[in-house]
């Protein structure tokens, strides 16, 4: 489960962990649009020449970010 940090109550997170959910917290709302920008920025910071990043939500739906 990917979720925005500090958006769920502690008891909710504890219950999810009891059910063996793998929880990944990010500092932003985890939408395809936000992940496209996040990955674009990471790749640019690593010094790669990137034009755009595509993040797919479903096989037919994606978000694209580029500058």
C-alpha atoms as a PDB file:
ATOM      1  CA  UNK A   1       0.000   0.000   0.000  1.00  0.00           C
ATOM      2  CA  UNK A   2       1.407   3.374  -0.998  1.00  0.00           C
ATOM      3  CA  UNK A   3       0.050   6.237   1.057  1.00  0.00           C
ATOM      4  CA  UNK A   4       0.704   9.862   1.874  1.00  0.00           C
ATOM      5  CA  UNK A   5       2.621  10.209   5.148  1.00  0.00           C
ATOM      6  CA  UNK A   6       0.584  11.217   8.204  1.00  0.00           C
ATOM      7  CA  UNK A   7      -2.840  10.773   6.566  1.00  0.00           C
ATOM      8  CA  UNK A   8      -4.045   7.696   8.467  1.00  0.00           C
ATOM      9  CA  UNK A   9      -4.521   7.219  12.185  1.00  0.00           C
ATOM     10  CA  UNK A  10      -1.910   5.156  14.018  1.00  0.00           C
ATOM     11  CA  UNK A  11      -4.502   2.468  14.837  1.00  0.00           C
ATOM     12  CA  UNK A  12      -5.354   2.112  11.145  1.00  0.00           C
ATOM     13  CA  UNK A  13      -1.708   1.648  10.199  1.00  0.00           C
ATOM     14  CA  UNK A  14      -1.267  -0.872  13.012  1.00  0.00           C
ATOM     15  CA  UNK A  15      -4.287  -2.846  11.769  1.00  0.00           C
ATOM     16  CA  UNK A  16      -2.905  -2.893   8.214  1.00  0.00           C
ATOM     17  CA  UNK A  17       0.473  -4.110   9.457  1.00  0.00           C
ATOM     18  CA  UNK A  18      -1.247  -6.850  11.479  1.00  0.00           C
ATOM     19  CA  UNK A  19      -2.810  -7.985   8.193  1.00  0.00           C
ATOM     20  CA  UNK A  20       0.733  -8.019   6.727  1.00  0.00           C
ATOM     21  CA  UNK A  21       0.233  -5.117   4.351  1.00  0.00           C
ATOM     22  CA  UNK A  22       3.470  -3.668   3.056  1.00  0.00           C
ATOM     23  CA  UNK A  23       3.118   0.064   3.655  1.00  0.00           C
ATOM     24  CA  UNK A  24       5.179   2.630   1.781  1.00  0.00           C
ATOM     25  CA  UNK A  25       4.772   6.244   2.863  1.00  0.00           C
ATOM     26  CA  UNK A  26       5.545   9.157   0.557  1.00  0.00           C
ATOM     27  CA  UNK A  27       5.487  12.913   1.237  1.00  0.00           C
ATOM     28  CA  UNK A  28       2.870  13.595  -1.454  1.00  0.00           C
ATOM     29  CA  UNK A  29      -0.537  12.347  -2.527  1.00  0.00           C
ATOM     30  CA  UNK A  30       0.267   9.102  -4.397  1.00  0.00           C
ATOM     31  CA  UNK A  31      -1.371   9.787  -7.759  1.00  0.00           C
ATOM     32  CA  UNK A  32       0.018   8.771 -11.132  1.00  0.00           C
ATOM     33  CA  UNK A  33       0.549  12.450 -11.925  1.00  0.00           C
ATOM     34  CA  UNK A  34       2.557  13.054  -8.767  1.00  0.00           C
ATOM     35  CA  UNK A  35       4.603   9.876  -9.222  1.00  0.00           C
ATOM     36  CA  UNK A  36       5.433  10.868 -12.809  1.00  0.00           C
ATOM     37  CA  UNK A  37       6.851  14.176 -11.583  1.00  0.00           C
ATOM     38  CA  UNK A  38       8.597  12.492  -8.616  1.00  0.00           C
ATOM     39  CA  UNK A  39      10.370   9.947 -10.849  1.00  0.00           C
ATOM     40  CA  UNK A  40      11.197  12.638 -13.430  1.00  0.00           C
ATOM     41  CA  UNK A  41      12.859  14.765 -10.744  1.00  0.00           C
ATOM     42  CA  UNK A  42      14.795  11.768  -9.340  1.00  0.00           C
ATOM     43  CA  UNK A  43      16.109  10.804 -12.758  1.00  0.00           C
ATOM     44  CA  UNK A  44      17.125  14.419 -13.509  1.00  0.00           C
ATOM     45  CA  UNK A  45      18.906  14.692 -10.126  1.00  0.00           C
ATOM     46  CA  UNK A  46      20.931  11.592 -10.995  1.00  0.00           C
ATOM     47  CA  UNK A  47      22.214  13.436 -14.067  1.00  0.00           C
ATOM     48  CA  UNK A  48      20.294  11.604 -16.776  1.00  0.00           C
ATOM     49  CA  UNK A  49      18.921  13.419 -19.799  1.00  0.00           C
ATOM     50  CA  UNK A  50      15.217  12.609 -19.580  1.00  0.00           C
ATOM     51  CA  UNK A  51      12.455  14.085 -21.723  1.00  0.00           C
ATOM     52  CA  UNK A  52       9.429  12.739 -19.889  1.00  0.00           C
ATOM     53  CA  UNK A  53       8.207   9.980 -17.583  1.00  0.00           C
ATOM     54  CA  UNK A  54       5.035   7.909 -17.985  1.00  0.00           C
ATOM     55  CA  UNK A  55       3.370   6.236 -14.994  1.00  0.00           C
ATOM     56  CA  UNK A  56       0.554   3.796 -15.730  1.00  0.00           C
ATOM     57  CA  UNK A  57      -2.413   3.342 -13.391  1.00  0.00           C
ATOM     58  CA  UNK A  58      -4.019   0.750 -15.650  1.00  0.00           C
ATOM     59  CA  UNK A  59      -2.992  -0.709 -19.030  1.00  0.00           C
ATOM     60  CA  UNK A  60      -4.940   2.096 -20.757  1.00  0.00           C
ATOM     61  CA  UNK A  61      -4.496   5.035 -18.397  1.00  0.00           C
ATOM     62  CA  UNK A  62      -1.263   6.896 -17.658  1.00  0.00           C
ATOM     63  CA  UNK A  63       0.123  10.227 -16.486  1.00  0.00           C
ATOM     64  CA  UNK A  64       3.022  11.875 -18.314  1.00  0.00           C
ATOM     65  CA  UNK A  65       5.368  14.484 -16.891  1.00  0.00           C
ATOM     66  CA  UNK A  66       8.136  16.379 -18.680  1.00  0.00           C
ATOM     67  CA  UNK A  67       9.655  19.839 -18.876  1.00  0.00           C
END
